[in-house]
PDB file of N, CA and C in Angstrom:
ATOM      1  N   UNK A   1      90.489 173.626 155.929  1.00  0.00           N
ATOM      2  CA  UNK A   1      88.972 174.041 155.623  1.00  0.00           C
ATOM      3  C   UNK A   1      88.301 172.451 156.655  1.00  0.00           C
ATOM      4  N   UNK A   2      87.477 173.360 157.665  1.00  0.00           N
ATOM      5  CA  UNK A   2      86.677 172.928 158.489  1.00  0.00           C
ATOM      6  C   UNK A   2      85.285 172.792 158.229  1.00  0.00           C
ATOM      7  N   UNK A   3      84.211 171.441 157.838  1.00  0.00           N
ATOM      8  CA  UNK A   3      83.229 171.170 157.499  1.00  0.00           C
ATOM      9  C   UNK A   3      82.913 172.218 158.264  1.00  0.00           C
ATOM     10  N   UNK A   4      80.720 172.340 157.148  1.00  0.00           N
ATOM     11  CA  UNK A   4      80.463 172.844 157.664  1.00  0.00           C
ATOM     12  C   UNK A   4      79.152 173.466 157.584  1.00  0.00           C
ATOM     13  N   UNK A   5      78.967 171.876 156.409  1.00  0.00           N
ATOM     14  CA  UNK A   5      77.043 172.027 156.093  1.00  0.00           C
ATOM     15  C   UNK A   5      77.456 169.910 156.142  1.00  0.00           C
ATOM     16  N   UNK A   6      75.977 170.051 156.707  1.00  0.00           N
ATOM     17  CA  UNK A   6      76.051 169.060 157.178  1.00  0.00           C
ATOM     18  C   UNK A   6      74.981 167.862 156.580  1.00  0.00           C
ATOM     19  N   UNK A   7      73.981 166.643 156.590  1.00  0.00           N
ATOM     20  CA  UNK A   7      74.271 165.852 156.529  1.00  0.00           C
ATOM     21  C   UNK A   7      72.464 165.831 155.794  1.00  0.00           C
ATOM     22  N   UNK A   8      71.590 166.578 155.841  1.00  0.00           N
ATOM     23  CA  UNK A   8      70.667 166.733 155.007  1.00  0.00           C
ATOM     24  C   UNK A   8      70.973 168.255 154.585  1.00  0.00           C
ATOM     25  N   UNK A   9      71.219 168.664 155.092  1.00  0.00           N
ATOM     26  CA  UNK A   9      71.653 170.127 154.726  1.00  0.00           C
ATOM     27  C   UNK A   9      72.541 169.224 153.081  1.00  0.00           C
ATOM     28  N   UNK A  10      73.321 169.230 153.081  1.00  0.00           N
ATOM     29  CA  UNK A  10      74.373 168.324 151.709  1.00  0.00           C
ATOM     30  C   UNK A  10      74.476 167.866 150.579  1.00  0.00           C
ATOM     31  N   UNK A  11      72.553 167.405 151.032  1.00  0.00           N
ATOM     32  CA  UNK A  11      72.052 165.976 150.375  1.00  0.00           C
ATOM     33  C   UNK A  11      71.315 167.232 149.474  1.00  0.00           C
ATOM     34  N   UNK A  12      70.444 168.296 150.341  1.00  0.00           N
ATOM     35  CA  UNK A  12      69.895 168.914 149.563  1.00  0.00           C
ATOM     36  C   UNK A  12      70.351 169.970 148.296  1.00  0.00           C
ATOM     37  N   UNK A  13      71.262 170.145 148.633  1.00  0.00           N
ATOM     38  CA  UNK A  13      71.838 170.403 148.236  1.00  0.00           C
ATOM     39  C   UNK A  13      73.012 170.044 146.719  1.00  0.00           C
ATOM     40  N   UNK A  14      73.600 169.037 147.379  1.00  0.00           N
ATOM     41  CA  UNK A  14      72.941 168.365 145.527  1.00  0.00           C
ATOM     42  C   UNK A  14      72.294 167.398 144.752  1.00  0.00           C
ATOM     43  N   UNK A  15      70.744 167.571 145.423  1.00  0.00           N
ATOM     44  CA  UNK A  15      69.880 166.893 144.529  1.00  0.00           C
ATOM     45  C   UNK A  15      70.169 168.484 143.553  1.00  0.00           C
ATOM     46  N   UNK A  16      70.133 169.555 144.147  1.00  0.00           N
ATOM     47  CA  UNK A  16      69.145 171.170 143.404  1.00  0.00           C
ATOM     48  C   UNK A  16      69.945 171.347 142.907  1.00  0.00           C
ATOM     49  N   UNK A  17      71.126 170.966 142.725  1.00  0.00           N
ATOM     50  CA  UNK A  17      72.290 171.822 142.457  1.00  0.00           C
ATOM     51  C   UNK A  17      72.245 170.700 140.713  1.00  0.00           C
ATOM     52  N   UNK A  18      72.483 168.665 140.636  1.00  0.00           N
ATOM     53  CA  UNK A  18      72.446 168.145 139.773  1.00  0.00           C
ATOM     54  C   UNK A  18      70.878 168.742 139.489  1.00  0.00           C
ATOM     55  N   UNK A  19      69.765 168.939 139.232  1.00  0.00           N
ATOM     56  CA  UNK A  19      68.681 169.349 139.614  1.00  0.00           C
ATOM     57  C   UNK A  19      69.151 170.723 137.591  1.00  0.00           C
ATOM     58  N   UNK A  20      69.037 171.447 138.497  1.00  0.00           N
ATOM     59  CA  UNK A  20      69.341 172.669 137.680  1.00  0.00           C
ATOM     60  C   UNK A  20      70.460 171.939 137.348  1.00  0.00           C
ATOM     61  N   UNK A  21      71.654 171.649 137.177  1.00  0.00           N
ATOM     62  CA  UNK A  21      72.981 171.672 135.520  1.00  0.00           C
ATOM     63  C   UNK A  21      71.392 170.687 134.962  1.00  0.00           C
ATOM     64  N   UNK A  22      71.386 169.578 134.999  1.00  0.00           N
ATOM     65  CA  UNK A  22      70.513 169.115 133.589  1.00  0.00           C
ATOM     66  C   UNK A  22      69.670 169.464 133.686  1.00  0.00           C
ATOM     67  N   UNK A  23      69.031 170.925 134.005  1.00  0.00           N
ATOM     68  CA  UNK A  23      68.324 171.439 132.988  1.00  0.00           C
ATOM     69  C   UNK A  23      68.920 172.378 132.394  1.00  0.00           C
ATOM     70  N   UNK A  24      69.866 173.358 132.872  1.00  0.00           N
ATOM     71  CA  UNK A  24      70.567 174.203 132.066  1.00  0.00           C
ATOM     72  C   UNK A  24      71.841 173.174 130.662  1.00  0.00           C
ATOM     73  N   UNK A  25      71.669 171.910 130.793  1.00  0.00           N
ATOM     74  CA  UNK A  25      72.013 171.022 129.576  1.00  0.00           C
ATOM     75  C   UNK A  25      70.216 170.296 128.530  1.00  0.00           C
ATOM     76  N   UNK A  26      69.734 170.587 129.350  1.00  0.00           N
ATOM     77  CA  UNK A  26      68.457 169.943 128.665  1.00  0.00           C
ATOM     78  C   UNK A  26      68.099 171.558 127.989  1.00  0.00           C
ATOM     79  N   UNK A  27      68.668 172.309 128.339  1.00  0.00           N
ATOM     80  CA  UNK A  27      68.031 174.226 127.549  1.00  0.00           C
ATOM     81  C   UNK A  27      67.936 174.911 127.709  1.00  0.00           C
ATOM     82  N   UNK A  28      68.223 175.207 129.027  1.00  0.00           N
ATOM     83  CA  UNK A  28      67.068 175.166 130.199  1.00  0.00           C
ATOM     84  C   UNK A  28      67.606 176.421 129.971  1.00  0.00           C
ATOM     85  N   UNK A  29      67.775 177.754 130.655  1.00  0.00           N
ATOM     86  CA  UNK A  29      67.559 179.419 130.697  1.00  0.00           C
ATOM     87  C   UNK A  29      69.775 178.770 130.527  1.00  0.00           C
ATOM     88  N   UNK A  30      70.131 179.783 130.971  1.00  0.00           N
ATOM     89  CA  UNK A  30      71.988 180.073 131.124  1.00  0.00           C
ATOM     90  C   UNK A  30      71.852 179.927 132.618  1.00  0.00           C
ATOM     91  N   UNK A  31      70.745 181.026 133.739  1.00  0.00           N
ATOM     92  CA  UNK A  31      71.111 181.357 134.882  1.00  0.00           C
ATOM     93  C   UNK A  31      71.122 179.936 135.276  1.00  0.00           C
ATOM     94  N   UNK A  32      71.007 178.978 135.105  1.00  0.00           N
ATOM     95  CA  UNK A  32      71.054 177.079 135.261  1.00  0.00           C
ATOM     96  C   UNK A  32      72.252 176.993 136.088  1.00  0.00           C
ATOM     97  N   UNK A  33      72.819 177.154 135.706  1.00  0.00           N
ATOM     98  CA  UNK A  33      74.382 177.055 135.787  1.00  0.00           C
ATOM     99  C   UNK A  33      74.680 177.103 136.840  1.00  0.00           C
ATOM    100  N   UNK A  34      74.379 177.705 137.849  1.00  0.00           N
ATOM    101  CA  UNK A  34      74.098 178.869 139.198  1.00  0.00           C
ATOM    102  C   UNK A  34      74.016 177.176 140.217  1.00  0.00           C
ATOM    103  N   UNK A  35      73.543 175.983 139.279  1.00  0.00           N
ATOM    104  CA  UNK A  35      73.272 174.569 140.406  1.00  0.00           C
ATOM    105  C   UNK A  35      75.039 174.390 140.395  1.00  0.00           C
ATOM    106  N   UNK A  36      76.323 174.918 139.979  1.00  0.00           N
ATOM    107  CA  UNK A  36      77.395 174.233 139.659  1.00  0.00           C
ATOM    108  C   UNK A  36      77.577 174.126 141.520  1.00  0.00           C
ATOM    109  N   UNK A  37      77.148 176.079 141.475  1.00  0.00           N
ATOM    110  CA  UNK A  37      77.623 175.941 143.350  1.00  0.00           C
ATOM    111  C   UNK A  37      76.667 175.204 143.645  1.00  0.00           C
ATOM    112  N   UNK A  38      75.992 175.291 144.069  1.00  0.00           N
ATOM    113  CA  UNK A  38      75.530 174.609 145.392  1.00  0.00           C
ATOM    114  C   UNK A  38      76.135 171.999 145.494  1.00  0.00           C
ATOM    115  N   UNK A  39      76.554 172.605 143.569  1.00  0.00           N
ATOM    116  CA  UNK A  39      77.003 170.924 143.616  1.00  0.00           C
ATOM    117  C   UNK A  39      78.228 170.692 144.497  1.00  0.00           C
ATOM    118  N   UNK A  40      79.005 172.034 144.533  1.00  0.00           N
ATOM    119  CA  UNK A  40      80.122 172.206 144.564  1.00  0.00           C
ATOM    120  C   UNK A  40      80.519 172.322 146.062  1.00  0.00           C
ATOM    121  N   UNK A  41      79.532 173.268 146.709  1.00  0.00           N
ATOM    122  CA  UNK A  41      79.342 173.126 147.753  1.00  0.00           C
ATOM    123  C   UNK A  41      79.073 171.714 148.675  1.00  0.00           C
ATOM    124  N   UNK A  42      77.863 170.775 148.213  1.00  0.00           N
ATOM    125  CA  UNK A  42      77.762 170.353 149.357  1.00  0.00           C
ATOM    126  C   UNK A  42      78.331 168.489 148.774  1.00  0.00           C
ATOM    127  N   UNK A  43      79.010 167.906 147.516  1.00  0.00           N
ATOM    128  CA  UNK A  43      79.797 168.120 147.668  1.00  0.00           C
ATOM    129  C   UNK A  43      81.614 167.404 148.210  1.00  0.00           C
ATOM    130  N   UNK A  44      81.766 169.567 149.144  1.00  0.00           N
ATOM    131  CA  UNK A  44      82.637 169.503 149.422  1.00  0.00           C
ATOM    132  C   UNK A  44      82.420 169.503 150.838  1.00  0.00           C
ATOM    133  N   UNK A  45      81.362 169.714 151.055  1.00  0.00           N
ATOM    134  CA  UNK A  45      80.707 170.027 152.350  1.00  0.00           C
ATOM    135  C   UNK A  45      81.749 171.892 153.229  1.00  0.00           C
ATOM    136  N   UNK A  46      82.078 171.978 152.940  1.00  0.00           N
ATOM    137  CA  UNK A  46      81.722 173.106 152.968  1.00  0.00           C
ATOM    138  C   UNK A  46      81.724 174.423 152.101  1.00  0.00           C
ATOM    139  N   UNK A  47      81.107 174.957 153.222  1.00  0.00           N
ATOM    140  CA  UNK A  47      79.645 176.335 152.402  1.00  0.00           C
ATOM    141  C   UNK A  47      80.088 177.700 153.221  1.00  0.00           C
ATOM    142  N   UNK A  48      81.055 178.769 152.058  1.00  0.00           N
ATOM    143  CA  UNK A  48      81.759 179.672 151.956  1.00  0.00           C
ATOM    144  C   UNK A  48      81.558 180.383 153.288  1.00  0.00           C
ATOM    145  N   UNK A  49      80.434 180.582 151.909  1.00  0.00           N
ATOM    146  CA  UNK A  49      79.529 182.126 153.396  1.00  0.00           C
ATOM    147  C   UNK A  49      79.231 181.832 154.570  1.00  0.00           C
ATOM    148  N   UNK A  50      79.119 180.525 154.833  1.00  0.00           N
ATOM    149  CA  UNK A  50      78.219 180.636 156.266  1.00  0.00           C
ATOM    150  C   UNK A  50      79.562 180.266 157.324  1.00  0.00           C
ATOM    151  N   UNK A  51      80.861 180.797 157.547  1.00  0.00           N
ATOM    152  CA  UNK A  51      81.333 181.281 158.930  1.00  0.00           C
ATOM    153  C   UNK A  51      80.861 182.333 158.079  1.00  0.00           C
ATOM    154  N   UNK A  52      80.900 183.322 157.209  1.00  0.00           N
ATOM    155  CA  UNK A  52      79.904 184.959 157.156  1.00  0.00           C
ATOM    156  C   UNK A  52      79.062 184.879 157.718  1.00  0.00           C
ATOM    157  N   UNK A  53      78.096 184.446 157.739  1.00  0.00           N
ATOM    158  CA  UNK A  53      77.102 184.711 159.073  1.00  0.00           C
ATOM    159  C   UNK A  53      77.236 183.554 160.056  1.00  0.00           C
ATOM    160  N   UNK A  54      78.532 182.946 160.792  1.00  0.00           N
ATOM    161  CA  UNK A  54      78.097 182.250 161.369  1.00  0.00           C
ATOM    162  C   UNK A  54      76.991 181.284 162.115  1.00  0.00           C
ATOM    163  N   UNK A  55      76.831 180.658 160.238  1.00  0.00           N
ATOM    164  CA  UNK A  55      75.961 178.968 160.692  1.00  0.00           C
ATOM    165  C   UNK A  55      76.177 177.853 160.085  1.00  0.00           C
ATOM    166  N   UNK A  56      76.094 177.017 160.709  1.00  0.00           N
ATOM    167  CA  UNK A  56      77.412 175.597 160.565  1.00  0.00           C
ATOM    168  C   UNK A  56      76.192 174.800 160.902  1.00  0.00           C
ATOM    169  N   UNK A  57      75.657 173.519 160.127  1.00  0.00           N
ATOM    170  CA  UNK A  57      75.198 172.659 160.208  1.00  0.00           C
ATOM    171  C   UNK A  57      75.312 171.761 160.286  1.00  0.00           C
ATOM    172  N   UNK A  58      76.612 171.132 160.506  1.00  0.00           N
ATOM    173  CA  UNK A  58      76.815 170.001 160.620  1.00  0.00           C
ATOM    174  C   UNK A  58      77.588 169.890 161.947  1.00  0.00           C
ATOM    175  N   UNK A  59      77.088 168.183 162.223  1.00  0.00           N
ATOM    176  CA  UNK A  59      76.698 168.302 163.701  1.00  0.00           C
ATOM    177  C   UNK A  59      78.561 167.568 164.736  1.00  0.00           C
ATOM    178  N   UNK A  60      78.185 168.693 165.408  1.00  0.00           N
ATOM    179  CA  UNK A  60      79.369 168.196 166.583  1.00  0.00           C
ATOM    180  C   UNK A  60      79.767 167.683 166.756  1.00  0.00           C
ATOM    181  N   UNK A  61      80.634 167.470 167.110  1.00  0.00           N
ATOM    182  CA  UNK A  61      81.345 165.829 167.328  1.00  0.00           C
ATOM    183  C   UNK A  61      81.235 165.710 169.055  1.00  0.00           C
ATOM    184  N   UNK A  62      81.120 164.652 169.903  1.00  0.00           N
ATOM    185  CA  UNK A  62      81.667 164.003 171.504  1.00  0.00           C
ATOM    186  C   UNK A  62      82.140 163.017 171.640  1.00  0.00           C
ATOM    187  N   UNK A  63      83.458 163.795 171.853  1.00  0.00           N
ATOM    188  CA  UNK A  63      84.776 162.858 172.505  1.00  0.00           C
ATOM    189  C   UNK A  63      84.221 162.210 173.026  1.00  0.00           C
TER     190      UNK A  63
END
């Protein structure tokens, strides 16, 4: 599994995921539990949808 989620993308996913999960825990709508998905993909650094659409926000390493 190759990393395909870059820095800013990762931070945004984690923040949005945490906010949605917190909202769900505080009595928000059931659909707010979808925040687990961006939280997990941000934490892992890999989004399984990105290869399907040919996207990669992770910077390439220069040798």
